[in-house]
PDB file of N, CA and C in Angstrom:
ATOM      1  N   UNK A   1     135.374-156.079 -87.637  1.00  0.00           N
ATOM      2  CA  UNK A   1     136.419-157.214 -86.885  1.00  0.00           C
ATOM      3  C   UNK A   1     136.544-158.292 -87.981  1.00  0.00           C
ATOM      4  N   UNK A   2     137.981-158.840 -87.406  1.00  0.00           N
ATOM      5  CA  UNK A   2     138.755-159.520 -87.958  1.00  0.00           C
ATOM      6  C   UNK A   2     139.196-160.752 -87.306  1.00  0.00           C
ATOM      7  N   UNK A   3     138.506-162.207 -86.877  1.00  0.00           N
ATOM      8  CA  UNK A   3     138.852-163.154 -86.081  1.00  0.00           C
ATOM      9  C   UNK A   3     139.663-164.517 -86.669  1.00  0.00           C
ATOM     10  N   UNK A   4     140.706-164.718 -86.064  1.00  0.00           N
ATOM     11  CA  UNK A   4     141.182-166.134 -86.056  1.00  0.00           C
ATOM     12  C   UNK A   4     141.228-166.668 -85.174  1.00  0.00           C
ATOM     13  N   UNK A   5     141.299-167.689 -85.355  1.00  0.00           N
ATOM     14  CA  UNK A   5     141.640-168.985 -83.954  1.00  0.00           C
ATOM     15  C   UNK A   5     142.436-169.616 -84.876  1.00  0.00           C
ATOM     16  N   UNK A   6     143.381-169.839 -83.358  1.00  0.00           N
ATOM     17  CA  UNK A   6     144.912-170.504 -83.069  1.00  0.00           C
ATOM     18  C   UNK A   6     145.340-169.678 -82.300  1.00  0.00           C
ATOM     19  N   UNK A   7     147.021-170.318 -82.509  1.00  0.00           N
ATOM     20  CA  UNK A   7     147.840-170.304 -81.301  1.00  0.00           C
ATOM     21  C   UNK A   7     148.131-168.604 -81.196  1.00  0.00           C
ATOM     22  N   UNK A   8     147.682-167.769 -80.354  1.00  0.00           N
ATOM     23  CA  UNK A   8     147.577-166.284 -80.356  1.00  0.00           C
ATOM     24  C   UNK A   8     149.448-165.333 -80.087  1.00  0.00           C
ATOM     25  N   UNK A   9     150.178-166.782 -79.385  1.00  0.00           N
ATOM     26  CA  UNK A   9     151.284-166.476 -79.379  1.00  0.00           C
ATOM     27  C   UNK A   9     152.146-166.518 -80.336  1.00  0.00           C
ATOM     28  N   UNK A  10     151.543-167.529 -81.273  1.00  0.00           N
ATOM     29  CA  UNK A  10     152.089-167.890 -82.449  1.00  0.00           C
ATOM     30  C   UNK A  10     151.873-166.402 -83.491  1.00  0.00           C
ATOM     31  N   UNK A  11     150.682-166.265 -83.450  1.00  0.00           N
ATOM     32  CA  UNK A  11     150.310-165.411 -84.394  1.00  0.00           C
ATOM     33  C   UNK A  11     150.677-163.923 -84.367  1.00  0.00           C
ATOM     34  N   UNK A  12     151.152-163.472 -83.019  1.00  0.00           N
ATOM     35  CA  UNK A  12     151.150-162.308 -82.614  1.00  0.00           C
ATOM     36  C   UNK A  12     152.776-162.439 -83.161  1.00  0.00           C
ATOM     37  N   UNK A  13     153.924-163.825 -82.640  1.00  0.00           N
ATOM     38  CA  UNK A  13     155.598-163.460 -83.416  1.00  0.00           C
ATOM     39  C   UNK A  13     155.210-163.446 -84.983  1.00  0.00           C
ATOM     40  N   UNK A  14     154.458-164.367 -85.529  1.00  0.00           N
ATOM     41  CA  UNK A  14     154.306-164.001 -87.206  1.00  0.00           C
ATOM     42  C   UNK A  14     154.168-162.204 -87.533  1.00  0.00           C
ATOM     43  N   UNK A  15     153.067-161.772 -86.751  1.00  0.00           N
ATOM     44  CA  UNK A  15     153.352-160.256 -87.180  1.00  0.00           C
ATOM     45  C   UNK A  15     154.574-159.839 -86.630  1.00  0.00           C
ATOM     46  N   UNK A  16     155.085-159.453 -85.560  1.00  0.00           N
ATOM     47  CA  UNK A  16     156.251-158.928 -85.369  1.00  0.00           C
ATOM     48  C   UNK A  16     157.603-159.482 -86.349  1.00  0.00           C
ATOM     49  N   UNK A  17     157.795-160.504 -86.666  1.00  0.00           N
ATOM     50  CA  UNK A  17     158.731-161.250 -87.924  1.00  0.00           C
ATOM     51  C   UNK A  17     158.110-160.388 -88.768  1.00  0.00           C
ATOM     52  N   UNK A  18     156.645-160.348 -89.482  1.00  0.00           N
ATOM     53  CA  UNK A  18     156.880-159.507 -90.587  1.00  0.00           C
ATOM     54  C   UNK A  18     157.049-158.407 -90.572  1.00  0.00           C
ATOM     55  N   UNK A  19     156.837-157.418 -89.218  1.00  0.00           N
ATOM     56  CA  UNK A  19     157.178-155.714 -89.151  1.00  0.00           C
ATOM     57  C   UNK A  19     158.204-155.932 -88.811  1.00  0.00           C
ATOM     58  N   UNK A  20     158.910-156.850 -88.688  1.00  0.00           N
ATOM     59  CA  UNK A  20     160.259-156.323 -88.311  1.00  0.00           C
ATOM     60  C   UNK A  20     161.443-156.405 -89.594  1.00  0.00           C
ATOM     61  N   UNK A  21     160.704-157.548 -90.247  1.00  0.00           N
ATOM     62  CA  UNK A  21     161.543-158.077 -91.660  1.00  0.00           C
ATOM     63  C   UNK A  21     161.313-156.350 -92.295  1.00  0.00           C
ATOM     64  N   UNK A  22     159.919-156.017 -92.668  1.00  0.00           N
ATOM     65  CA  UNK A  22     159.706-155.007 -93.209  1.00  0.00           C
ATOM     66  C   UNK A  22     160.793-153.545 -92.642  1.00  0.00           C
ATOM     67  N   UNK A  23     160.695-153.234 -91.538  1.00  0.00           N
ATOM     68  CA  UNK A  23     161.807-152.120 -90.857  1.00  0.00           C
ATOM     69  C   UNK A  23     162.573-152.457 -91.156  1.00  0.00           C
ATOM     70  N   UNK A  24     163.700-153.831 -90.783  1.00  0.00           N
ATOM     71  CA  UNK A  24     164.951-153.854 -91.290  1.00  0.00           C
ATOM     72  C   UNK A  24     165.378-153.606 -92.977  1.00  0.00           C
ATOM     73  N   UNK A  25     164.768-154.122 -93.912  1.00  0.00           N
ATOM     74  CA  UNK A  25     165.153-153.982 -95.002  1.00  0.00           C
ATOM     75  C   UNK A  25     164.288-152.501 -95.888  1.00  0.00           C
ATOM     76  N   UNK A  26     163.722-152.504 -95.306  1.00  0.00           N
ATOM     77  CA  UNK A  26     163.341-150.889 -96.029  1.00  0.00           C
ATOM     78  C   UNK A  26     163.965-150.148 -96.525  1.00  0.00           C
ATOM     79  N   UNK A  27     164.125-149.135 -97.379  1.00  0.00           N
ATOM     80  CA  UNK A  27     165.203-148.415 -97.623  1.00  0.00           C
ATOM     81  C   UNK A  27     164.981-146.794 -96.629  1.00  0.00           C
ATOM     82  N   UNK A  28     165.829-146.560 -96.861  1.00  0.00           N
ATOM     83  CA  UNK A  28     165.464-144.609 -95.613  1.00  0.00           C
ATOM     84  C   UNK A  28     164.303-144.053 -96.461  1.00  0.00           C
ATOM     85  N   UNK A  29     163.773-143.417 -95.801  1.00  0.00           N
ATOM     86  CA  UNK A  29     162.449-142.823 -96.502  1.00  0.00           C
ATOM     87  C   UNK A  29     161.398-143.349 -96.877  1.00  0.00           C
ATOM     88  N   UNK A  30     161.544-144.674 -97.204  1.00  0.00           N
ATOM     89  CA  UNK A  30     160.613-145.820 -97.468  1.00  0.00           C
ATOM     90  C   UNK A  30     159.420-145.726 -97.279  1.00  0.00           C
ATOM     91  N   UNK A  31     158.534-146.772 -97.750  1.00  0.00           N
ATOM     92  CA  UNK A  31     157.254-146.755 -97.210  1.00  0.00           C
ATOM     93  C   UNK A  31     156.890-148.026 -96.891  1.00  0.00           C
ATOM     94  N   UNK A  32     155.949-148.103 -95.513  1.00  0.00           N
ATOM     95  CA  UNK A  32     155.732-149.484 -95.173  1.00  0.00           C
ATOM     96  C   UNK A  32     153.953-149.480 -94.923  1.00  0.00           C
ATOM     97  N   UNK A  33     153.592-150.417 -95.092  1.00  0.00           N
ATOM     98  CA  UNK A  33     152.076-150.563 -94.893  1.00  0.00           C
ATOM     99  C   UNK A  33     151.859-151.964 -94.519  1.00  0.00           C
ATOM    100  N   UNK A  34     150.905-151.740 -93.595  1.00  0.00           N
ATOM    101  CA  UNK A  34     150.288-153.474 -93.437  1.00  0.00           C
ATOM    102  C   UNK A  34     148.638-153.249 -93.261  1.00  0.00           C
ATOM    103  N   UNK A  35     148.219-154.604 -94.248  1.00  0.00           N
ATOM    104  CA  UNK A  35     146.364-154.761 -94.234  1.00  0.00           C
ATOM    105  C   UNK A  35     146.264-155.803 -93.619  1.00  0.00           C
ATOM    106  N   UNK A  36     145.514-156.240 -93.378  1.00  0.00           N
ATOM    107  CA  UNK A  36     144.287-157.096 -92.804  1.00  0.00           C
ATOM    108  C   UNK A  36     142.828-156.953 -93.229  1.00  0.00           C
ATOM    109  N   UNK A  37     142.409-158.132 -94.001  1.00  0.00           N
ATOM    110  CA  UNK A  37     141.056-157.865 -93.973  1.00  0.00           C
ATOM    111  C   UNK A  37     140.495-159.536 -94.119  1.00  0.00           C
ATOM    112  N   UNK A  38     139.238-159.580 -93.868  1.00  0.00           N
ATOM    113  CA  UNK A  38     138.121-161.188 -94.296  1.00  0.00           C
ATOM    114  C   UNK A  38     137.593-160.605 -95.039  1.00  0.00           C
ATOM    115  N   UNK A  39     137.283-162.136 -95.611  1.00  0.00           N
ATOM    116  CA  UNK A  39     136.432-162.298 -96.859  1.00  0.00           C
ATOM    117  C   UNK A  39     135.981-163.365 -96.071  1.00  0.00           C
ATOM    118  N   UNK A  40     134.699-163.725 -97.167  1.00  0.00           N
ATOM    119  CA  UNK A  40     134.023-164.828 -97.131  1.00  0.00           C
ATOM    120  C   UNK A  40     134.520-165.964 -95.821  1.00  0.00           C
ATOM    121  N   UNK A  41     135.644-166.718 -97.292  1.00  0.00           N
ATOM    122  CA  UNK A  41     136.372-167.839 -96.424  1.00  0.00           C
ATOM    123  C   UNK A  41     137.674-167.702 -95.918  1.00  0.00           C
ATOM    124  N   UNK A  42     138.220-166.332 -96.459  1.00  0.00           N
ATOM    125  CA  UNK A  42     139.846-166.576 -95.774  1.00  0.00           C
ATOM    126  C   UNK A  42     139.998-164.939 -94.921  1.00  0.00           C
ATOM    127  N   UNK A  43     141.009-164.715 -94.540  1.00  0.00           N
ATOM    128  CA  UNK A  43     141.675-163.851 -93.815  1.00  0.00           C
ATOM    129  C   UNK A  43     143.113-163.440 -94.279  1.00  0.00           C
ATOM    130  N   UNK A  44     143.363-162.458 -95.319  1.00  0.00           N
ATOM    131  CA  UNK A  44     144.127-162.164 -95.698  1.00  0.00           C
ATOM    132  C   UNK A  44     145.131-160.681 -94.947  1.00  0.00           C
ATOM    133  N   UNK A  45     146.185-161.350 -94.570  1.00  0.00           N
ATOM    134  CA  UNK A  45     147.430-160.428 -94.300  1.00  0.00           C
ATOM    135  C   UNK A  45     148.182-159.681 -94.954  1.00  0.00           C
ATOM    136  N   UNK A  46     148.919-158.722 -95.316  1.00  0.00           N
ATOM    137  CA  UNK A  46     149.806-158.436 -96.358  1.00  0.00           C
ATOM    138  C   UNK A  46     150.350-157.387 -95.654  1.00  0.00           C
ATOM    139  N   UNK A  47     152.224-157.693 -95.547  1.00  0.00           N
ATOM    140  CA  UNK A  47     152.739-156.374 -95.224  1.00  0.00           C
ATOM    141  C   UNK A  47     153.446-155.964 -96.706  1.00  0.00           C
ATOM    142  N   UNK A  48     153.930-154.782 -96.588  1.00  0.00           N
ATOM    143  CA  UNK A  48     154.604-154.024 -98.072  1.00  0.00           C
ATOM    144  C   UNK A  48     155.620-153.149 -97.268  1.00  0.00           C
ATOM    145  N   UNK A  49     156.649-153.523 -98.265  1.00  0.00           N
ATOM    146  CA  UNK A  49     157.835-152.563 -97.823  1.00  0.00           C
ATOM    147  C   UNK A  49     158.747-151.926 -99.168  1.00  0.00           C
ATOM    148  N   UNK A  50     159.147-150.871 -99.545  1.00  0.00           N
ATOM    149  CA  UNK A  50     160.003-150.834-100.345  1.00  0.00           C
ATOM    150  C   UNK A  50     161.348-150.943 -99.983  1.00  0.00           C
ATOM    151  N   UNK A  51     162.002-151.290-100.689  1.00  0.00           N
ATOM    152  CA  UNK A  51     163.514-151.678-100.453  1.00  0.00           C
ATOM    153  C   UNK A  51     164.913-151.107-101.431  1.00  0.00           C
ATOM    154  N   UNK A  52     166.056-151.053-101.226  1.00  0.00           N
ATOM    155  CA  UNK A  52     166.808-150.719-102.285  1.00  0.00           C
ATOM    156  C   UNK A  52     166.828-151.622-103.532  1.00  0.00           C
ATOM    157  N   UNK A  53     166.669-153.272-103.770  1.00  0.00           N
ATOM    158  CA  UNK A  53     166.939-154.094-104.210  1.00  0.00           C
ATOM    159  C   UNK A  53     166.327-155.581-103.766  1.00  0.00           C
ATOM    160  N   UNK A  54     165.117-156.305-104.350  1.00  0.00           N
ATOM    161  CA  UNK A  54     165.000-157.385-104.158  1.00  0.00           C
ATOM    162  C   UNK A  54     164.820-158.572-105.736  1.00  0.00           C
ATOM    163  N   UNK A  55     165.403-159.264-105.826  1.00  0.00           N
ATOM    164  CA  UNK A  55     164.805-160.206-107.130  1.00  0.00           C
ATOM    165  C   UNK A  55     164.119-161.029-107.360  1.00  0.00           C
ATOM    166  N   UNK A  56     163.629-161.316-108.405  1.00  0.00           N
ATOM    167  CA  UNK A  56     162.439-162.508-108.457  1.00  0.00           C
ATOM    168  C   UNK A  56     163.137-163.862-107.694  1.00  0.00           C
ATOM    169  N   UNK A  57     164.429-163.890-108.020  1.00  0.00           N
ATOM    170  CA  UNK A  57     165.072-165.082-108.320  1.00  0.00           C
ATOM    171  C   UNK A  57     165.308-165.391-106.293  1.00  0.00           C
ATOM    172  N   UNK A  58     165.256-164.006-105.717  1.00  0.00           N
ATOM    173  CA  UNK A  58     165.617-164.256-104.110  1.00  0.00           C
ATOM    174  C   UNK A  58     164.647-164.766-103.247  1.00  0.00           C
ATOM    175  N   UNK A  59     163.289-164.341-104.211  1.00  0.00           N
ATOM    176  CA  UNK A  59     161.866-164.487-103.625  1.00  0.00           C
ATOM    177  C   UNK A  59     161.662-165.885-103.622  1.00  0.00           C
ATOM    178  N   UNK A  60     162.615-167.107-104.194  1.00  0.00           N
ATOM    179  CA  UNK A  60     161.809-168.810-104.277  1.00  0.00           C
ATOM    180  C   UNK A  60     162.926-168.991-102.835  1.00  0.00           C
ATOM    181  N   UNK A  61     163.688-168.228-102.218  1.00  0.00           N
ATOM    182  CA  UNK A  61     164.540-168.819-101.154  1.00  0.00           C
ATOM    183  C   UNK A  61     163.964-167.946 -99.785  1.00  0.00           C
ATOM    184  N   UNK A  62     163.338-167.328 -99.856  1.00  0.00           N
ATOM    185  CA  UNK A  62     163.090-166.199 -98.797  1.00  0.00           C
ATOM    186  C   UNK A  62     162.573-166.934 -97.579  1.00  0.00           C
ATOM    187  N   UNK A  63     161.543-167.918 -97.550  1.00  0.00           N
ATOM    188  CA  UNK A  63     161.157-168.532 -96.468  1.00  0.00           C
ATOM    189  C   UNK A  63     162.337-169.834 -96.110  1.00  0.00           C
ATOM    190  N   UNK A  64     163.573-169.748 -96.752  1.00  0.00           N
ATOM    191  CA  UNK A  64     164.161-170.985 -96.346  1.00  0.00           C
ATOM    192  C   UNK A  64     165.164-170.479 -95.349  1.00  0.00           C
ATOM    193  N   UNK A  65     165.718-171.518 -94.284  1.00  0.00           N
ATOM    194  CA  UNK A  65     165.823-171.250 -93.169  1.00  0.00           C
ATOM    195  C   UNK A  65     167.443-170.856 -93.785  1.00  0.00           C
ATOM    196  N   UNK A  66     167.772-169.758 -92.508  1.00  0.00           N
ATOM    197  CA  UNK A  66     169.007-169.508 -92.446  1.00  0.00           C
ATOM    198  C   UNK A  66     169.450-168.368 -94.384  1.00  0.00           C
ATOM    199  N   UNK A  67     168.470-168.060 -94.674  1.00  0.00           N
ATOM    200  CA  UNK A  67     168.940-167.487 -95.908  1.00  0.00           C
ATOM    201  C   UNK A  67     168.397-165.862 -95.756  1.00  0.00           C
ATOM    202  N   UNK A  68     169.417-165.223 -96.566  1.00  0.00           N
ATOM    203  CA  UNK A  68     169.807-163.295 -96.243  1.00  0.00           C
ATOM    204  C   UNK A  68     170.075-163.114 -97.526  1.00  0.00           C
ATOM    205  N   UNK A  69     169.025-162.107 -97.513  1.00  0.00           N
ATOM    206  CA  UNK A  69     168.956-161.717 -98.857  1.00  0.00           C
ATOM    207  C   UNK A  69     170.582-160.882 -99.309  1.00  0.00           C
ATOM    208  N   UNK A  70     170.968-160.511 -98.689  1.00  0.00           N
ATOM    209  CA  UNK A  70     172.073-159.626 -98.963  1.00  0.00           C
ATOM    210  C   UNK A  70     173.420-159.868 -97.703  1.00  0.00           C
ATOM    211  N   UNK A  71     173.909-160.789 -97.862  1.00  0.00           N
ATOM    212  CA  UNK A  71     174.827-161.179 -96.952  1.00  0.00           C
ATOM    213  C   UNK A  71     175.864-159.833 -95.783  1.00  0.00           C
ATOM    214  N   UNK A  72     175.910-158.943 -96.749  1.00  0.00           N
ATOM    215  CA  UNK A  72     176.575-158.036 -97.079  1.00  0.00           C
ATOM    216  C   UNK A  72     176.148-156.905 -95.642  1.00  0.00           C
ATOM    217  N   UNK A  73     174.745-156.893 -95.489  1.00  0.00           N
ATOM    218  CA  UNK A  73     174.289-156.162 -94.624  1.00  0.00           C
ATOM    219  C   UNK A  73     173.928-157.186 -93.215  1.00  0.00           C
ATOM    220  N   UNK A  74     174.340-158.052 -92.656  1.00  0.00           N
ATOM    221  CA  UNK A  74     174.185-158.930 -91.881  1.00  0.00           C
ATOM    222  C   UNK A  74     174.930-158.185 -90.350  1.00  0.00           C
ATOM    223  N   UNK A  75     175.724-157.198 -90.623  1.00  0.00           N
ATOM    224  CA  UNK A  75     175.799-156.737 -89.263  1.00  0.00           C
ATOM    225  C   UNK A  75     175.206-155.376 -88.924  1.00  0.00           C
ATOM    226  N   UNK A  76     174.489-154.647 -90.500  1.00  0.00           N
ATOM    227  CA  UNK A  76     173.728-153.531 -90.056  1.00  0.00           C
ATOM    228  C   UNK A  76     172.310-154.276 -89.351  1.00  0.00           C
ATOM    229  N   UNK A  77     171.869-155.200 -90.070  1.00  0.00           N
ATOM    230  CA  UNK A  77     170.733-155.741 -89.744  1.00  0.00           C
ATOM    231  C   UNK A  77     170.503-156.752 -88.181  1.00  0.00           C
ATOM    232  N   UNK A  78     171.352-157.280 -88.557  1.00  0.00           N
ATOM    233  CA  UNK A  78     171.471-158.238 -87.346  1.00  0.00           C
ATOM    234  C   UNK A  78     170.452-159.624 -87.872  1.00  0.00           C
ATOM    235  N   UNK A  79     170.376-160.604 -87.061  1.00  0.00           N
ATOM    236  CA  UNK A  79     169.556-161.970 -87.067  1.00  0.00           C
ATOM    237  C   UNK A  79     170.339-162.803 -87.887  1.00  0.00           C
ATOM    238  N   UNK A  80     169.360-163.635 -88.433  1.00  0.00           N
ATOM    239  CA  UNK A  80     170.125-165.349 -88.333  1.00  0.00           C
ATOM    240  C   UNK A  80     169.524-165.491 -90.021  1.00  0.00           C
ATOM    241  N   UNK A  81     168.409-165.051 -90.207  1.00  0.00           N
ATOM    242  CA  UNK A  81     168.061-165.765 -90.991  1.00  0.00           C
ATOM    243  C   UNK A  81     166.965-166.816 -90.857  1.00  0.00           C
ATOM    244  N   UNK A  82     166.046-166.687 -89.358  1.00  0.00           N
ATOM    245  CA  UNK A  82     164.978-167.417 -89.325  1.00  0.00           C
ATOM    246  C   UNK A  82     163.624-166.880 -89.485  1.00  0.00           C
ATOM    247  N   UNK A  83     163.602-166.053 -88.940  1.00  0.00           N
ATOM    248  CA  UNK A  83     162.417-164.975 -89.112  1.00  0.00           C
ATOM    249  C   UNK A  83     161.393-165.162 -90.060  1.00  0.00           C
ATOM    250  N   UNK A  84     161.706-165.435 -91.533  1.00  0.00           N
ATOM    251  CA  UNK A  84     160.716-165.736 -92.137  1.00  0.00           C
ATOM    252  C   UNK A  84     160.316-167.023 -92.359  1.00  0.00           C
ATOM    253  N   UNK A  85     161.342-167.886 -92.337  1.00  0.00           N
ATOM    254  CA  UNK A  85     160.995-169.530 -92.214  1.00  0.00           C
ATOM    255  C   UNK A  85     160.552-170.162 -90.931  1.00  0.00           C
ATOM    256  N   UNK A  86     160.683-169.119 -89.696  1.00  0.00           N
ATOM    257  CA  UNK A  86     159.321-169.197 -88.187  1.00  0.00           C
ATOM    258  C   UNK A  86     158.360-168.685 -89.188  1.00  0.00           C
ATOM    259  N   UNK A  87     157.841-167.589 -89.855  1.00  0.00           N
ATOM    260  CA  UNK A  87     156.946-167.568 -90.213  1.00  0.00           C
ATOM    261  C   UNK A  87     156.216-167.945 -91.095  1.00  0.00           C
ATOM    262  N   UNK A  88     156.606-168.506 -91.918  1.00  0.00           N
ATOM    263  CA  UNK A  88     156.419-169.706 -92.941  1.00  0.00           C
ATOM    264  C   UNK A  88     155.442-171.165 -92.090  1.00  0.00           C
ATOM    265  N   UNK A  89     156.739-171.434 -90.891  1.00  0.00           N
ATOM    266  CA  UNK A  89     155.964-172.477 -90.229  1.00  0.00           C
ATOM    267  C   UNK A  89     154.772-172.363 -89.303  1.00  0.00           C
ATOM    268  N   UNK A  90     154.851-170.998 -88.392  1.00  0.00           N
ATOM    269  CA  UNK A  90     153.399-170.642 -87.834  1.00  0.00           C
ATOM    270  C   UNK A  90     152.393-170.416 -89.144  1.00  0.00           C
ATOM    271  N   UNK A  91     152.324-170.325 -90.420  1.00  0.00           N
ATOM    272  CA  UNK A  91     151.145-169.740 -91.144  1.00  0.00           C
ATOM    273  C   UNK A  91     151.491-171.336 -91.740  1.00  0.00           C
ATOM    274  N   UNK A  92     151.966-172.038 -92.086  1.00  0.00           N
ATOM    275  CA  UNK A  92     151.569-173.655 -92.338  1.00  0.00           C
ATOM    276  C   UNK A  92     150.669-174.452 -90.782  1.00  0.00           C
ATOM    277  N   UNK A  93     151.270-174.423 -89.897  1.00  0.00           N
ATOM    278  CA  UNK A  93     150.292-175.015 -88.893  1.00  0.00           C
ATOM    279  C   UNK A  93     149.245-174.311 -88.640  1.00  0.00           C
ATOM    280  N   UNK A  94     149.011-173.388 -88.716  1.00  0.00           N
ATOM    281  CA  UNK A  94     147.447-172.858 -88.778  1.00  0.00           C
ATOM    282  C   UNK A  94     146.570-172.634 -90.288  1.00  0.00           C
ATOM    283  N   UNK A  95     147.210-173.792 -90.862  1.00  0.00           N
ATOM    284  CA  UNK A  95     146.633-174.155 -92.209  1.00  0.00           C
ATOM    285  C   UNK A  95     146.195-173.208 -93.540  1.00  0.00           C
ATOM    286  N   UNK A  96     147.154-171.987 -93.164  1.00  0.00           N
ATOM    287  CA  UNK A  96     147.417-170.978 -94.256  1.00  0.00           C
ATOM    288  C   UNK A  96     148.717-170.846 -95.116  1.00  0.00           C
ATOM    289  N   UNK A  97     148.535-170.042 -96.264  1.00  0.00           N
ATOM    290  CA  UNK A  97     149.587-169.902 -97.112  1.00  0.00           C
ATOM    291  C   UNK A  97     150.490-168.282 -97.163  1.00  0.00           C
ATOM    292  N   UNK A  98     151.272-168.451 -97.180  1.00  0.00           N
ATOM    293  CA  UNK A  98     152.830-167.197 -97.536  1.00  0.00           C
ATOM    294  C   UNK A  98     152.990-167.119 -98.893  1.00  0.00           C
ATOM    295  N   UNK A  99     153.152-165.896 -99.176  1.00  0.00           N
ATOM    296  CA  UNK A  99     153.874-165.417-100.786  1.00  0.00           C
ATOM    297  C   UNK A  99     154.491-164.233-100.314  1.00  0.00           C
ATOM    298  N   UNK A 100     155.481-164.071-101.363  1.00  0.00           N
ATOM    299  CA  UNK A 100     156.447-162.898-101.332  1.00  0.00           C
ATOM    300  C   UNK A 100     156.394-162.946-102.615  1.00  0.00           C
ATOM    301  N   UNK A 101     155.825-161.298-103.092  1.00  0.00           N
ATOM    302  CA  UNK A 101     155.826-160.861-104.601  1.00  0.00           C
ATOM    303  C   UNK A 101     156.728-159.545-104.546  1.00  0.00           C
ATOM    304  N   UNK A 102     157.647-159.782-105.870  1.00  0.00           N
ATOM    305  CA  UNK A 102     157.895-157.997-106.294  1.00  0.00           C
ATOM    306  C   UNK A 102     157.051-157.587-107.218  1.00  0.00           C
ATOM    307  N   UNK A 103     156.485-156.355-107.421  1.00  0.00           N
ATOM    308  CA  UNK A 103     156.295-155.775-109.050  1.00  0.00           C
ATOM    309  C   UNK A 103     157.374-155.301-109.535  1.00  0.00           C
ATOM    310  N   UNK A 104     158.455-154.556-109.161  1.00  0.00           N
ATOM    311  CA  UNK A 104     159.485-153.987-109.736  1.00  0.00           C
ATOM    312  C   UNK A 104     161.221-154.106-109.016  1.00  0.00           C
ATOM    313  N   UNK A 105     161.097-155.355-108.120  1.00  0.00           N
ATOM    314  CA  UNK A 105     162.564-155.513-107.748  1.00  0.00           C
ATOM    315  C   UNK A 105     163.166-154.610-106.648  1.00  0.00           C
ATOM    316  N   UNK A 106     162.069-153.457-106.093  1.00  0.00           N
ATOM    317  CA  UNK A 106     162.623-152.393-104.987  1.00  0.00           C
ATOM    318  C   UNK A 106     161.459-152.356-104.342  1.00  0.00           C
ATOM    319  N   UNK A 107     160.407-153.508-103.813  1.00  0.00           N
ATOM    320  CA  UNK A 107     159.312-153.887-103.398  1.00  0.00           C
ATOM    321  C   UNK A 107     158.843-155.329-103.052  1.00  0.00           C
ATOM    322  N   UNK A 108     158.666-155.366-101.728  1.00  0.00           N
ATOM    323  CA  UNK A 108     157.964-156.631-101.609  1.00  0.00           C
ATOM    324  C   UNK A 108     157.131-156.507-100.577  1.00  0.00           C
ATOM    325  N   UNK A 109     156.343-157.278-100.982  1.00  0.00           N
ATOM    326  CA  UNK A 109     154.748-157.573-100.590  1.00  0.00           C
ATOM    327  C   UNK A 109     154.544-159.063-100.023  1.00  0.00           C
ATOM    328  N   UNK A 110     154.622-159.465 -98.754  1.00  0.00           N
ATOM    329  CA  UNK A 110     154.464-160.245 -98.275  1.00  0.00           C
ATOM    330  C   UNK A 110     152.720-160.784 -98.206  1.00  0.00           C
ATOM    331  N   UNK A 111     152.639-161.623 -98.237  1.00  0.00           N
ATOM    332  CA  UNK A 111     151.053-161.606 -98.041  1.00  0.00           C
ATOM    333  C   UNK A 111     150.947-163.097 -97.722  1.00  0.00           C
ATOM    334  N   UNK A 112     149.721-163.253 -96.242  1.00  0.00           N
ATOM    335  CA  UNK A 112     149.638-164.308 -95.573  1.00  0.00           C
ATOM    336  C   UNK A 112     148.124-164.522 -95.977  1.00  0.00           C
ATOM    337  N   UNK A 113     147.498-165.888 -96.102  1.00  0.00           N
ATOM    338  CA  UNK A 113     146.259-166.276 -96.711  1.00  0.00           C
ATOM    339  C   UNK A 113     145.691-167.473 -95.308  1.00  0.00           C
ATOM    340  N   UNK A 114     144.890-166.683 -94.442  1.00  0.00           N
ATOM    341  CA  UNK A 114     144.341-168.229 -93.806  1.00  0.00           C
ATOM    342  C   UNK A 114     143.045-168.675 -93.780  1.00  0.00           C
ATOM    343  N   UNK A 115     142.538-169.615 -93.566  1.00  0.00           N
ATOM    344  CA  UNK A 115     141.065-170.151 -94.058  1.00  0.00           C
ATOM    345  C   UNK A 115     140.694-169.659 -92.761  1.00  0.00           C
ATOM    346  N   UNK A 116     139.453-168.679 -92.868  1.00  0.00           N
ATOM    347  CA  UNK A 116     138.258-168.194 -92.181  1.00  0.00           C
ATOM    348  C   UNK A 116     137.287-168.861 -91.219  1.00  0.00           C
ATOM    349  N   UNK A 117     138.006-169.715 -90.461  1.00  0.00           N
ATOM    350  CA  UNK A 117     137.174-170.751 -89.522  1.00  0.00           C
ATOM    351  C   UNK A 117     136.630-170.530 -88.657  1.00  0.00           C
ATOM    352  N   UNK A 118     135.358-171.351 -88.014  1.00  0.00           N
ATOM    353  CA  UNK A 118     134.882-170.620 -86.722  1.00  0.00           C
ATOM    354  C   UNK A 118     135.086-171.584 -85.682  1.00  0.00           C
ATOM    355  N   UNK A 119     134.851-171.152 -84.702  1.00  0.00           N
ATOM    356  CA  UNK A 119     135.293-171.932 -83.351  1.00  0.00           C
ATOM    357  C   UNK A 119     134.294-172.900 -83.065  1.00  0.00           C
TER     358      UNK A 119
END
């Protein structure tokens, strides 16, 4: 069992944002996976999805407010480019760290690391 102390509504919203983002930007027939594990001093949540294209340069701005990786998809996916910036603010408020990486520019891995604190 993994336990994280914090604002439960904010953590639920964080998970929802990350999964929603993965669903919106995964390519048709793509892969989405979520992983949660607790280590001695940290809790790690990761969300992975395949996508048509995401450049390493785009990763630098992924958590910026109003940033969209592909403006031509706005009408298809909806939203305002706020989700990942809200996710980053939530992680920061819980003294965690959020990162985005890609190995092949055809997949995205968002990793959230929280300190494993006890009540």
